[in-house]
N, C-alpha and C. Protein backbone atom coordinates (compact mmCIF):
# COMPACT_ATOMS: atom_id res chain seq x y z
N MET A 1 -31.73 23.07 -38.64
CA MET A 1 -30.92 24.21 -38.26
C MET A 1 -30.63 24.21 -36.76
N ILE A 2 -31.66 23.98 -35.93
CA ILE A 2 -31.46 23.97 -34.48
C ILE A 2 -30.53 22.82 -34.09
N HIS A 3 -30.71 21.66 -34.72
CA HIS A 3 -29.88 20.50 -34.41
C HIS A 3 -28.40 20.79 -34.69
N ALA A 4 -28.13 21.42 -35.78
CA ALA A 4 -26.75 21.77 -36.15
C ALA A 4 -26.17 22.77 -35.15
N THR A 5 -26.97 23.70 -34.66
CA THR A 5 -26.50 24.69 -33.69
C THR A 5 -26.15 24.01 -32.37
N LEU A 6 -26.98 23.07 -31.92
CA LEU A 6 -26.71 22.36 -30.67
C LEU A 6 -25.44 21.52 -30.77
N ARG A 7 -25.21 20.95 -31.91
CA ARG A 7 -24.01 20.15 -32.10
C ARG A 7 -22.77 21.03 -31.94
N ASN A 8 -22.85 22.26 -32.36
CA ASN A 8 -21.71 23.17 -32.26
C ASN A 8 -21.44 23.61 -30.83
N LEU A 9 -22.40 23.43 -29.93
CA LEU A 9 -22.21 23.84 -28.53
C LEU A 9 -21.39 22.83 -27.73
N ARG A 10 -21.20 21.63 -28.25
CA ARG A 10 -20.40 20.63 -27.53
C ARG A 10 -18.95 21.10 -27.39
N PRO A 11 -18.28 20.68 -26.34
CA PRO A 11 -16.87 21.05 -26.20
C PRO A 11 -16.06 20.47 -27.35
N ARG A 12 -15.11 21.21 -27.78
CA ARG A 12 -14.29 20.77 -28.91
C ARG A 12 -13.12 19.89 -28.46
N LEU A 13 -12.78 19.97 -27.18
CA LEU A 13 -11.69 19.16 -26.66
C LEU A 13 -12.26 18.07 -25.75
N PRO A 14 -11.69 16.88 -25.80
CA PRO A 14 -12.17 15.83 -24.90
C PRO A 14 -11.81 16.16 -23.46
N VAL A 15 -12.48 15.53 -22.51
CA VAL A 15 -12.17 15.72 -21.10
C VAL A 15 -10.79 15.14 -20.82
N LEU A 16 -9.98 15.90 -20.15
CA LEU A 16 -8.60 15.50 -19.87
C LEU A 16 -8.51 14.91 -18.46
N ASP A 17 -7.92 13.74 -18.35
CA ASP A 17 -7.71 13.08 -17.05
C ASP A 17 -6.41 13.61 -16.46
N LEU A 18 -6.50 14.36 -15.35
CA LEU A 18 -5.33 15.01 -14.76
C LEU A 18 -4.64 14.18 -13.67
N ARG A 19 -5.15 12.98 -13.43
CA ARG A 19 -4.50 12.15 -12.41
C ARG A 19 -3.11 11.77 -12.88
N THR A 20 -2.15 11.82 -11.98
CA THR A 20 -0.77 11.49 -12.36
C THR A 20 -0.49 10.00 -12.19
N ALA A 21 -1.27 9.35 -11.37
CA ALA A 21 -1.05 7.91 -11.17
C ALA A 21 -2.39 7.19 -11.11
N ARG A 22 -2.48 6.11 -11.79
CA ARG A 22 -3.68 5.27 -11.75
C ARG A 22 -3.62 4.40 -10.50
N PRO A 23 -4.78 4.10 -9.90
CA PRO A 23 -4.77 3.20 -8.76
C PRO A 23 -4.27 1.82 -9.18
N ALA A 24 -3.57 1.16 -8.29
CA ALA A 24 -3.07 -0.18 -8.58
C ALA A 24 -4.23 -1.16 -8.70
N VAL A 25 -4.07 -2.14 -9.55
CA VAL A 25 -5.08 -3.17 -9.70
C VAL A 25 -5.09 -3.99 -8.41
N LYS A 26 -6.30 -4.21 -7.87
CA LYS A 26 -6.41 -4.93 -6.61
C LYS A 26 -6.32 -6.43 -6.86
N THR A 27 -5.45 -7.09 -6.12
CA THR A 27 -5.30 -8.53 -6.21
C THR A 27 -5.33 -9.11 -4.80
N ALA A 28 -5.81 -10.34 -4.70
CA ALA A 28 -5.88 -11.01 -3.40
C ALA A 28 -4.50 -11.47 -2.97
N ASP A 29 -4.23 -11.39 -1.67
CA ASP A 29 -2.98 -11.94 -1.14
C ASP A 29 -2.97 -13.44 -1.41
N ARG A 30 -1.81 -13.97 -1.75
CA ARG A 30 -1.71 -15.41 -2.00
C ARG A 30 -2.16 -16.21 -0.78
N GLU A 31 -1.86 -15.67 0.40
CA GLU A 31 -2.23 -16.35 1.65
C GLU A 31 -3.74 -16.57 1.74
N LEU A 32 -4.51 -15.64 1.18
CA LEU A 32 -5.97 -15.75 1.26
C LEU A 32 -6.54 -16.77 0.28
N LEU A 33 -5.72 -17.29 -0.60
CA LEU A 33 -6.18 -18.25 -1.59
C LEU A 33 -5.82 -19.69 -1.23
N THR A 34 -5.20 -19.90 -0.08
CA THR A 34 -4.78 -21.24 0.32
C THR A 34 -5.96 -22.04 0.88
N GLY A 35 -5.78 -23.35 0.88
CA GLY A 35 -6.79 -24.23 1.47
C GLY A 35 -6.95 -24.00 2.96
N GLU A 36 -5.85 -23.68 3.63
CA GLU A 36 -5.92 -23.42 5.08
C GLU A 36 -6.77 -22.19 5.38
N HIS A 37 -6.60 -21.14 4.57
CA HIS A 37 -7.38 -19.93 4.79
C HIS A 37 -8.85 -20.19 4.48
N LYS A 38 -9.14 -20.93 3.44
CA LYS A 38 -10.53 -21.24 3.10
C LYS A 38 -11.19 -22.04 4.22
N ALA A 39 -10.46 -22.98 4.83
CA ALA A 39 -11.00 -23.74 5.96
C ALA A 39 -11.23 -22.83 7.16
N TRP A 40 -10.29 -21.89 7.40
CA TRP A 40 -10.45 -20.92 8.49
C TRP A 40 -11.70 -20.08 8.26
N ARG A 41 -11.88 -19.61 7.04
CA ARG A 41 -13.05 -18.80 6.70
C ARG A 41 -14.34 -19.56 6.97
N GLU A 42 -14.41 -20.78 6.51
CA GLU A 42 -15.61 -21.60 6.73
C GLU A 42 -15.88 -21.81 8.22
N ALA A 43 -14.81 -22.03 9.00
CA ALA A 43 -14.97 -22.24 10.45
C ALA A 43 -15.50 -20.96 11.12
N VAL A 44 -15.00 -19.80 10.71
CA VAL A 44 -15.43 -18.53 11.29
C VAL A 44 -16.90 -18.27 10.96
N LEU A 45 -17.28 -18.43 9.71
CA LEU A 45 -18.67 -18.20 9.30
C LEU A 45 -19.61 -19.21 9.96
N SER A 46 -19.18 -20.46 10.04
CA SER A 46 -20.01 -21.50 10.66
C SER A 46 -20.23 -21.22 12.13
N ARG A 47 -19.17 -20.83 12.85
CA ARG A 47 -19.28 -20.52 14.27
C ARG A 47 -20.28 -19.39 14.51
N ALA A 48 -20.35 -18.44 13.56
CA ALA A 48 -21.25 -17.30 13.69
C ALA A 48 -22.66 -17.63 13.20
N GLY A 49 -22.87 -18.84 12.74
CA GLY A 49 -24.18 -19.21 12.22
C GLY A 49 -24.48 -18.51 10.90
N ASP A 50 -23.44 -18.21 10.12
CA ASP A 50 -23.58 -17.50 8.84
C ASP A 50 -24.38 -16.20 9.00
N ARG A 51 -24.07 -15.47 10.08
CA ARG A 51 -24.73 -14.20 10.37
C ARG A 51 -23.69 -13.19 10.85
N CYS A 52 -23.83 -11.96 10.40
CA CYS A 52 -22.90 -10.90 10.79
C CYS A 52 -22.83 -10.79 12.32
N GLU A 53 -21.63 -10.66 12.85
CA GLU A 53 -21.44 -10.58 14.30
C GLU A 53 -21.29 -9.15 14.82
N TRP A 54 -21.47 -8.15 13.97
CA TRP A 54 -21.34 -6.75 14.39
C TRP A 54 -22.42 -6.43 15.40
N VAL A 55 -22.03 -5.84 16.52
CA VAL A 55 -22.98 -5.45 17.56
C VAL A 55 -22.89 -3.94 17.73
N GLU A 56 -24.03 -3.29 17.63
CA GLU A 56 -24.10 -1.84 17.79
C GLU A 56 -25.26 -1.51 18.72
N HIS A 57 -24.97 -0.75 19.77
CA HIS A 57 -25.98 -0.38 20.78
C HIS A 57 -26.65 -1.63 21.36
N GLY A 58 -25.84 -2.68 21.55
CA GLY A 58 -26.33 -3.91 22.15
C GLY A 58 -27.17 -4.79 21.23
N VAL A 59 -27.26 -4.45 19.96
CA VAL A 59 -28.07 -5.22 19.01
C VAL A 59 -27.16 -5.79 17.92
N ARG A 60 -27.28 -7.09 17.71
CA ARG A 60 -26.47 -7.75 16.68
C ARG A 60 -27.09 -7.54 15.29
N CYS A 61 -26.24 -7.36 14.32
CA CYS A 61 -26.66 -7.18 12.93
C CYS A 61 -27.49 -8.39 12.48
N GLU A 62 -28.51 -8.14 11.69
CA GLU A 62 -29.42 -9.19 11.23
C GLU A 62 -29.00 -9.83 9.91
N ARG A 63 -27.98 -9.29 9.24
CA ARG A 63 -27.64 -9.79 7.90
C ARG A 63 -27.07 -11.20 7.95
N THR A 64 -27.55 -12.04 7.03
CA THR A 64 -27.13 -13.44 6.96
C THR A 64 -26.59 -13.75 5.57
N SER A 65 -26.02 -14.94 5.44
CA SER A 65 -25.45 -15.34 4.16
C SER A 65 -26.51 -15.60 3.10
N SER A 66 -27.75 -15.80 3.50
CA SER A 66 -28.80 -16.09 2.51
C SER A 66 -29.13 -14.86 1.68
N THR A 67 -28.88 -13.66 2.20
CA THR A 67 -29.22 -12.44 1.46
C THR A 67 -28.06 -11.47 1.31
N ASN A 68 -26.91 -11.75 1.93
CA ASN A 68 -25.79 -10.81 1.91
C ASN A 68 -24.46 -11.54 1.77
N ARG A 69 -23.47 -10.81 1.28
CA ARG A 69 -22.12 -11.35 1.22
C ARG A 69 -21.50 -11.20 2.61
N LEU A 70 -20.90 -12.27 3.10
CA LEU A 70 -20.26 -12.24 4.41
C LEU A 70 -18.75 -12.42 4.26
N PHE A 71 -18.02 -11.79 5.17
CA PHE A 71 -16.56 -11.85 5.18
C PHE A 71 -16.09 -12.46 6.49
N ALA A 72 -15.08 -13.30 6.41
CA ALA A 72 -14.38 -13.76 7.61
C ALA A 72 -13.28 -12.73 7.84
N ASP A 73 -13.44 -11.94 8.88
CA ASP A 73 -12.54 -10.82 9.15
C ASP A 73 -11.63 -11.16 10.32
N HIS A 74 -10.39 -10.71 10.25
CA HIS A 74 -9.46 -10.87 11.37
C HIS A 74 -9.74 -9.76 12.39
N VAL A 75 -10.04 -10.13 13.62
CA VAL A 75 -10.29 -9.15 14.68
C VAL A 75 -9.07 -8.26 14.83
N VAL A 76 -7.91 -8.87 15.02
CA VAL A 76 -6.63 -8.15 14.99
C VAL A 76 -6.05 -8.45 13.62
N GLU A 77 -5.94 -7.43 12.79
CA GLU A 77 -5.52 -7.63 11.41
C GLU A 77 -4.14 -8.28 11.33
N ARG A 78 -3.93 -9.05 10.28
CA ARG A 78 -2.67 -9.77 10.10
C ARG A 78 -1.48 -8.83 10.13
N GLN A 79 -1.60 -7.68 9.48
CA GLN A 79 -0.46 -6.76 9.44
C GLN A 79 -0.21 -6.08 10.79
N ASP A 80 -1.15 -6.22 11.71
CA ASP A 80 -0.95 -5.69 13.06
C ASP A 80 -0.54 -6.80 14.03
N GLY A 81 -0.21 -7.98 13.50
CA GLY A 81 0.26 -9.07 14.34
C GLY A 81 -0.79 -10.09 14.70
N GLY A 82 -1.98 -10.00 14.14
CA GLY A 82 -3.04 -10.96 14.43
C GLY A 82 -2.75 -12.32 13.82
N ALA A 83 -3.15 -13.37 14.51
CA ALA A 83 -2.94 -14.73 14.03
C ALA A 83 -3.79 -14.97 12.79
N ALA A 84 -3.15 -15.38 11.71
CA ALA A 84 -3.83 -15.51 10.43
C ALA A 84 -4.85 -16.64 10.40
N LEU A 85 -4.59 -17.76 11.08
CA LEU A 85 -5.47 -18.92 10.97
C LEU A 85 -6.08 -19.35 12.29
N ASP A 86 -6.07 -18.46 13.28
CA ASP A 86 -6.68 -18.76 14.59
C ASP A 86 -8.15 -18.35 14.52
N VAL A 87 -9.04 -19.32 14.67
CA VAL A 87 -10.48 -19.04 14.58
C VAL A 87 -10.90 -18.03 15.66
N ALA A 88 -10.20 -18.01 16.79
CA ALA A 88 -10.51 -17.05 17.85
C ALA A 88 -10.21 -15.61 17.39
N ASN A 89 -9.39 -15.44 16.37
CA ASN A 89 -9.07 -14.11 15.84
C ASN A 89 -9.95 -13.80 14.63
N GLY A 90 -11.05 -14.51 14.46
CA GLY A 90 -11.93 -14.28 13.33
C GLY A 90 -13.31 -13.86 13.76
N GLN A 91 -13.94 -13.07 12.92
CA GLN A 91 -15.34 -12.69 13.13
C GLN A 91 -16.03 -12.62 11.78
N CYS A 92 -17.30 -12.93 11.77
CA CYS A 92 -18.09 -12.90 10.54
C CYS A 92 -18.74 -11.52 10.43
N LEU A 93 -18.47 -10.82 9.31
CA LEU A 93 -19.04 -9.49 9.10
C LEU A 93 -19.70 -9.39 7.73
N CYS A 94 -20.80 -8.66 7.65
CA CYS A 94 -21.43 -8.38 6.37
C CYS A 94 -20.55 -7.36 5.63
N ALA A 95 -20.82 -7.15 4.36
CA ALA A 95 -19.98 -6.27 3.54
C ALA A 95 -19.90 -4.85 4.11
N SER A 96 -21.02 -4.30 4.54
CA SER A 96 -20.98 -2.91 5.02
C SER A 96 -20.20 -2.78 6.34
N HIS A 97 -20.38 -3.73 7.25
CA HIS A 97 -19.64 -3.67 8.51
C HIS A 97 -18.17 -4.02 8.32
N HIS A 98 -17.86 -4.91 7.37
CA HIS A 98 -16.47 -5.22 7.07
C HIS A 98 -15.77 -3.98 6.52
N GLY A 99 -16.44 -3.25 5.62
CA GLY A 99 -15.87 -2.02 5.07
C GLY A 99 -15.66 -0.97 6.14
N LEU A 100 -16.63 -0.83 7.04
CA LEU A 100 -16.54 0.15 8.13
C LEU A 100 -15.37 -0.19 9.05
N LYS A 101 -15.25 -1.45 9.42
CA LYS A 101 -14.17 -1.87 10.31
C LYS A 101 -12.81 -1.68 9.64
N THR A 102 -12.72 -2.05 8.36
CA THR A 102 -11.46 -1.90 7.62
C THR A 102 -11.06 -0.43 7.52
N PHE A 103 -12.03 0.44 7.23
CA PHE A 103 -11.77 1.88 7.14
C PHE A 103 -11.27 2.42 8.46
N ARG A 104 -11.91 2.04 9.56
CA ARG A 104 -11.50 2.52 10.89
C ARG A 104 -10.09 2.05 11.23
N GLU A 105 -9.79 0.79 10.93
CA GLU A 105 -8.46 0.25 11.23
C GLU A 105 -7.39 0.96 10.40
N ARG A 106 -7.69 1.20 9.13
CA ARG A 106 -6.73 1.89 8.26
C ARG A 106 -6.49 3.32 8.76
N ALA A 107 -7.55 4.01 9.17
CA ALA A 107 -7.41 5.37 9.69
C ALA A 107 -6.60 5.38 10.98
N ARG A 108 -6.84 4.40 11.85
CA ARG A 108 -6.09 4.29 13.10
C ARG A 108 -4.61 4.05 12.81
N ARG A 109 -4.34 3.15 11.87
CA ARG A 109 -2.97 2.80 11.52
C ARG A 109 -2.24 4.01 10.93
N MET A 110 -2.92 4.78 10.09
CA MET A 110 -2.30 5.95 9.46
C MET A 110 -2.06 7.08 10.45
N ALA A 111 -2.87 7.15 11.50
CA ALA A 111 -2.73 8.21 12.50
C ALA A 111 -1.61 7.92 13.49
N ARG A 112 -1.18 6.66 13.51
CA ARG A 112 -0.13 6.24 14.44
C ARG A 112 1.19 6.92 14.10
N PRO A 113 1.89 7.49 15.07
CA PRO A 113 3.20 8.10 14.78
C PRO A 113 4.20 7.03 14.39
N THR A 114 5.07 7.38 13.44
CA THR A 114 6.07 6.41 12.99
C THR A 114 7.43 6.70 13.56
């Protein structure tokens, strides 16, 4: 009897998704899949010793490729005019610092008057 009563307390209507647009499926830029970009990535990570180059309060991040995912990041982003394959425009970042840098750059770009 109690089990039947609890079953009746469930909502009778399914949860309705009110979003009007689904997020686009994320795909990699074709440029990032080329052999030249892969060589650039390897050169950037190698130059950094496979260790995150983020420096905060004068201390460099300790994360390395042996325990973390590392990204070859463009210091000046490609869409802001940064050289796509110049190793001098690359830095090795761990996932958390890459996300932080990307978020800051996106916020800066969006705040820019058009």
